[in-house]
Amino acid sequence: MSKTHYNKLFLSDIHLGSLQAQPQKVLDLLERVTADEIYLVGDIIDIMAMKKFFRWESEYNKIIRKLLKLNKNGTRIYYVAGNHDAQLKDYDGDNFSGIEFCIEKKIETISGKTYMVLHGDEFDGIFRSKMLYTLGDILFGITVMLNRINNKIRQKMGYSSWSLSLYLKEKVKKRLKFLSNFEKLVATKAVDNNSDGVICGHVHIPEDKVLNEHNREIHYVNTGCMTEFISYAVETEFGDIKMIHEKESE
């Protein structure tokens, strides 16, 4: 099977170690897609979840071995820590087994445009309230499990899969946008760093759009996640950054 090659691949919110994790989706993607550089944009290993209940499946090791093999064969890999793997922020600037750790990174495409790559948790107004975040994290985990049960029933009845958790998050986020104002703050980060755009994750909602911030057009790209569906961002051979949201097979 021929593989699709990109200059850069951006993945976020894989949440290995949590009930949300869908490691086979990641393994399948890494078998279909290659890149000169891979950016792991936060919440890859869910240390927060494993503190509550430790779980580590064999597929997780396969993902790590795959990434290390890619790195050995010339793919540069960057790990941008998020909030579920916040402990890794202490290793900003360090290199382990060829994987470079950082809190954020400014990159340049072959077309000459610059982007800030960061997870985005520092700009989440909801996250700043620890009690609200913990409650939201628990409710989200329950929603994901209910969603899987719902989709199994839908598949048996001949219907396509549907993301209950994404539907609820989109509804809730719209109502809380005036509090967190996530996209505006992330775009401001790009402006402050004299960048053309920003690539982030964290909110599990894939987006690819242009925002106007401080009289500047900022390309906002959110990679979404690899838990509820398959979404990621890439830099094409022409230097364009775009988000890809794949339709899963029914």
Protein backbone atom coordinates (compact mmCIF):
# COMPACT_ATOMS: atom_id res chain seq x y z
CA MET A 1 0.00 0.00 0.00
CA SER A 2 1.40 3.38 -1.01
CA LYS A 3 1.85 5.91 1.76
CA THR A 4 0.99 9.60 1.70
CA HIS A 5 4.01 11.76 2.46
CA TYR A 6 3.95 15.24 4.01
CA ASN A 7 6.64 17.69 5.03
CA LYS A 8 5.22 17.86 8.53
CA LEU A 9 2.60 15.91 10.50
CA PHE A 10 0.90 17.31 13.62
CA LEU A 11 -0.90 14.99 16.06
CA SER A 12 -2.42 15.88 19.42
CA ASP A 13 -4.64 14.50 22.16
CA ILE A 14 -3.97 10.79 21.78
CA HIS A 15 -4.34 10.25 25.57
CA LEU A 16 -2.46 6.98 25.89
CA GLY A 17 -3.22 5.50 29.30
CA SER A 18 -6.79 6.78 29.52
CA LEU A 19 -10.13 5.18 28.74
CA GLN A 20 -10.41 7.59 25.81
CA ALA A 21 -7.35 6.20 23.99
CA GLN A 22 -7.83 4.66 20.55
CA PRO A 23 -4.28 3.42 19.85
CA GLN A 24 -5.21 1.42 16.75
CA LYS A 25 -6.30 4.63 15.03
CA VAL A 26 -2.83 6.06 15.62
CA LEU A 27 -1.05 2.90 14.48
CA ASP A 28 -3.15 2.76 11.31
CA LEU A 29 -2.38 6.41 10.57
CA LEU A 30 1.36 5.92 11.04
CA GLU A 31 1.20 3.03 8.58
CA ARG A 32 -0.55 5.18 5.95
CA VAL A 33 1.21 8.53 6.43
CA THR A 34 4.87 9.52 6.56
CA ALA A 35 6.51 12.89 7.18
CA ASP A 36 9.93 14.52 7.39
CA GLU A 37 8.94 15.95 10.77
CA ILE A 38 6.32 14.82 13.30
CA TYR A 39 5.00 17.14 15.99
CA LEU A 40 3.22 15.55 18.96
CA VAL A 41 1.17 18.53 20.10
CA GLY A 42 0.37 17.61 23.70
CA ASP A 43 -1.69 15.12 25.69
CA ILE A 44 -0.02 12.20 23.95
CA ILE A 45 0.65 10.18 27.12
CA ASP A 46 -2.11 10.85 29.65
CA ILE A 47 -0.08 10.99 32.85
CA MET A 48 -3.01 12.68 34.61
CA ALA A 49 -5.29 9.71 33.93
CA MET A 50 -2.66 7.14 34.88
CA LYS A 51 -2.19 8.80 38.26
CA LYS A 52 -5.80 7.89 39.03
CA PHE A 53 -5.73 4.42 37.49
CA PHE A 54 -2.65 3.01 35.78
CA ARG A 55 -3.22 1.28 32.47
CA TRP A 56 -0.72 0.53 29.71
CA GLU A 57 -1.69 -1.59 26.72
CA SER A 58 0.60 -3.39 24.27
CA GLU A 59 -0.58 -1.10 21.45
CA TYR A 60 0.95 1.87 23.31
CA ASN A 61 4.38 0.20 23.09
CA LYS A 62 3.84 -0.35 19.37
CA ILE A 63 3.20 3.38 18.88
CA ILE A 64 6.34 4.33 20.80
CA ARG A 65 8.45 1.77 18.95
CA LYS A 66 7.04 3.01 15.64
CA LEU A 67 7.93 6.62 16.45
CA LEU A 68 11.44 5.67 17.59
CA LYS A 69 11.95 3.66 14.40
CA LEU A 70 10.80 6.59 12.27
CA ASN A 71 13.19 8.85 14.16
CA LYS A 72 16.05 6.41 13.64
CA ASN A 73 15.28 6.42 9.91
CA GLY A 74 15.49 10.21 9.69
CA THR A 75 12.12 11.60 10.79
CA ARG A 76 12.56 14.44 13.27
CA ILE A 77 10.11 14.19 16.16
CA TYR A 78 9.10 16.96 18.55
CA TYR A 79 7.02 16.45 21.69
CA VAL A 80 5.13 19.60 22.73
CA ALA A 81 3.79 18.93 26.23
CA GLY A 82 0.17 19.67 27.15
CA ASN A 83 -1.81 19.60 30.39
CA HIS A 84 -2.40 15.85 30.68
CA ASP A 85 1.35 15.32 30.26
CA ALA A 86 2.37 18.57 31.99
CA GLN A 87 5.24 16.87 33.85
CA LEU A 88 7.09 16.71 30.54
CA LYS A 89 7.22 20.50 30.40
CA ASP A 90 10.11 20.25 32.86
CA TYR A 91 12.18 18.77 30.03
CA ASP A 92 11.79 21.76 27.72
CA GLY A 93 14.79 21.81 25.40
CA ASP A 94 15.93 18.28 26.24
CA ASN A 95 16.38 15.41 23.80
CA PHE A 96 15.55 11.80 24.70
CA SER A 97 16.22 8.97 22.24
CA GLY A 98 16.11 11.50 19.42
CA ILE A 99 12.78 13.04 20.44
CA GLU A 100 13.00 16.75 21.24
CA PHE A 101 10.81 18.04 24.09
CA CYS A 102 9.47 21.57 24.23
CA ILE A 103 6.62 23.68 25.59
CA GLU A 104 6.13 25.48 22.29
CA LYS A 105 8.00 25.79 19.02
CA LYS A 106 8.09 28.29 16.18
CA ILE A 107 8.33 26.59 12.80
CA GLU A 108 8.69 27.73 9.19
CA THR A 109 7.08 26.09 6.17
CA ILE A 110 8.86 25.67 2.84
CA SER A 111 6.66 28.50 1.54
CA GLY A 112 8.24 30.84 4.12
CA LYS A 113 5.30 31.20 6.52
CA THR A 114 5.85 30.83 10.26
CA TYR A 115 3.60 29.10 12.79
CA MET A 116 3.59 28.75 16.56
CA VAL A 117 3.08 25.14 17.64
CA LEU A 118 1.68 24.70 21.16
CA HIS A 119 -0.90 22.58 22.95
CA GLY A 120 -3.02 25.53 24.07
CA ASP A 121 -3.90 24.62 27.66
CA GLU A 122 -2.37 27.82 28.99
CA PHE A 123 -5.13 29.79 27.25
CA ASP A 124 -8.07 27.69 28.37
CA GLY A 125 -10.09 29.75 30.83
CA ILE A 126 -11.92 26.62 31.96
CA PHE A 127 -8.64 24.88 32.77
CA ARG A 128 -7.63 27.74 35.06
CA SER A 129 -10.42 26.66 37.38
CA LYS A 130 -9.09 23.35 38.75
CA MET A 131 -12.41 22.23 40.22
CA LEU A 132 -14.31 22.90 36.97
CA TYR A 133 -11.62 21.20 34.93
CA THR A 134 -11.61 18.06 37.12
CA LEU A 135 -15.40 17.83 36.92
CA GLY A 136 -15.31 18.36 33.16
CA ASP A 137 -12.61 15.70 32.75
CA ILE A 138 -14.70 13.12 34.63
CA LEU A 139 -17.87 13.95 32.70
CA PHE A 140 -15.99 13.80 29.41
CA GLY A 141 -14.65 10.33 30.21
CA ILE A 142 -18.17 9.10 30.97
CA THR A 143 -19.47 10.68 27.76
CA VAL A 144 -16.80 8.93 25.67
CA MET A 145 -17.77 5.54 27.12
CA LEU A 146 -21.47 6.19 26.50
CA ASN A 147 -20.61 7.29 22.98
CA ARG A 148 -18.86 3.99 22.24
CA ILE A 149 -21.88 2.02 23.46
CA ASN A 150 -24.16 4.24 21.37
CA ASN A 151 -22.08 3.69 18.22
CA LYS A 152 -22.00 -0.09 18.67
CA ILE A 153 -25.80 -0.05 18.79
CA ARG A 154 -25.95 2.28 15.76
CA GLN A 155 -23.63 0.00 13.76
CA LYS A 156 -25.76 -3.06 14.52
CA MET A 157 -28.79 -1.13 13.30
CA GLY A 158 -26.98 -0.13 10.11
CA TYR A 159 -26.40 3.54 11.00
CA SER A 160 -23.10 5.42 10.69
CA SER A 161 -21.07 6.37 13.75
CA TRP A 162 -21.83 9.64 15.53
CA SER A 163 -19.85 11.52 18.18
CA LEU A 164 -22.05 12.37 21.17
CA SER A 165 -19.08 13.82 23.02
CA LEU A 166 -18.17 16.11 20.11
CA TYR A 167 -21.79 17.23 19.79
CA LEU A 168 -21.98 18.09 23.50
CA LYS A 169 -18.58 19.79 23.49
CA GLU A 170 -19.49 21.98 20.55
CA LYS A 171 -22.72 23.04 22.27
CA VAL A 172 -21.01 23.71 25.61
CA LYS A 173 -18.00 25.45 24.09
CA LYS A 174 -20.23 27.88 22.22
CA ARG A 175 -21.84 28.91 25.50
CA LEU A 176 -18.53 29.15 27.35
CA LYS A 177 -16.62 30.90 24.59
CA PHE A 178 -17.13 34.29 26.22
CA LEU A 179 -15.28 32.88 29.28
CA SER A 180 -12.35 31.04 27.71
CA ASN A 181 -12.09 32.91 24.39
CA PHE A 182 -9.64 30.21 23.44
CA GLU A 183 -9.16 30.92 19.76
CA LYS A 184 -8.64 34.65 20.26
CA LEU A 185 -5.96 34.09 22.90
CA VAL A 186 -4.16 31.47 20.85
CA ALA A 187 -4.20 33.76 17.80
CA THR A 188 -2.76 36.55 19.92
CA LYS A 189 0.14 34.24 20.71
CA ALA A 190 0.92 34.10 17.01
CA VAL A 191 0.73 37.90 16.75
CA ASP A 192 3.04 38.34 19.74
CA ASN A 193 5.58 36.04 18.10
CA ASN A 194 5.25 37.69 14.69
CA SER A 195 3.94 34.46 13.18
CA ASP A 196 1.48 33.87 10.36
CA GLY A 197 -0.46 31.22 12.20
CA VAL A 198 -0.79 28.83 15.11
CA ILE A 199 -1.17 25.05 15.35
CA CYS A 200 -2.65 23.70 18.56
CA GLY A 201 -4.85 21.02 20.11
CA HIS A 202 -6.37 20.72 23.59
CA VAL A 203 -10.07 21.35 22.90
CA HIS A 204 -10.57 18.22 20.72
CA ILE A 205 -12.42 20.24 18.08
CA PRO A 206 -10.67 20.29 14.68
CA GLU A 207 -10.59 23.70 13.03
CA ASP A 208 -8.89 25.29 10.04
CA LYS A 209 -9.72 28.96 9.54
CA VAL A 210 -8.36 32.48 9.34
CA LEU A 211 -8.87 34.80 12.31
CA ASN A 212 -8.44 38.56 12.33
CA GLU A 213 -6.47 39.55 15.40
CA HIS A 214 -4.89 42.96 16.01
CA ASN A 215 -5.53 43.85 12.36
CA ARG A 216 -3.64 40.78 11.20
CA GLU A 217 -4.88 37.62 9.52
CA ILE A 218 -3.84 34.61 11.59
CA HIS A 219 -4.22 31.07 10.30
CA TYR A 220 -5.69 29.06 13.19
CA VAL A 221 -5.37 25.28 12.91
CA ASN A 222 -6.55 22.92 15.64
CA THR A 223 -5.54 19.30 15.14
CA GLY A 224 -8.61 18.01 17.00
CA CYS A 225 -7.81 14.61 18.52
CA MET A 226 -7.26 10.91 17.90
CA THR A 227 -9.74 9.71 20.51
CA GLU A 228 -13.21 10.59 19.22
CA PHE A 229 -12.27 10.54 15.55
CA ILE A 230 -9.24 10.82 13.25
CA SER A 231 -8.03 14.38 12.76
CA TYR A 232 -4.58 15.88 12.37
CA ALA A 233 -2.74 18.68 10.60
CA VAL A 234 -0.08 18.53 7.89
CA GLU A 235 2.25 20.66 5.84
CA THR A 236 1.89 19.68 2.19
CA GLU A 237 4.65 19.50 -0.40
CA PHE A 238 3.72 23.04 -1.42
CA GLY A 239 4.17 24.40 2.11
CA ASP A 240 0.45 24.73 2.93
CA ILE A 241 -0.71 23.94 6.46
CA LYS A 242 -4.10 22.25 6.58
CA MET A 243 -6.21 20.21 8.98
CA ILE A 244 -7.41 16.78 7.88
CA HIS A 245 -10.54 15.24 9.41
CA GLU A 246 -10.90 11.68 8.12
CA LYS A 247 -14.20 9.89 7.78
CA GLU A 248 -14.02 6.59 9.62
CA SER A 249 -15.17 3.43 7.91
CA GLU A 250 -18.59 2.28 9.05
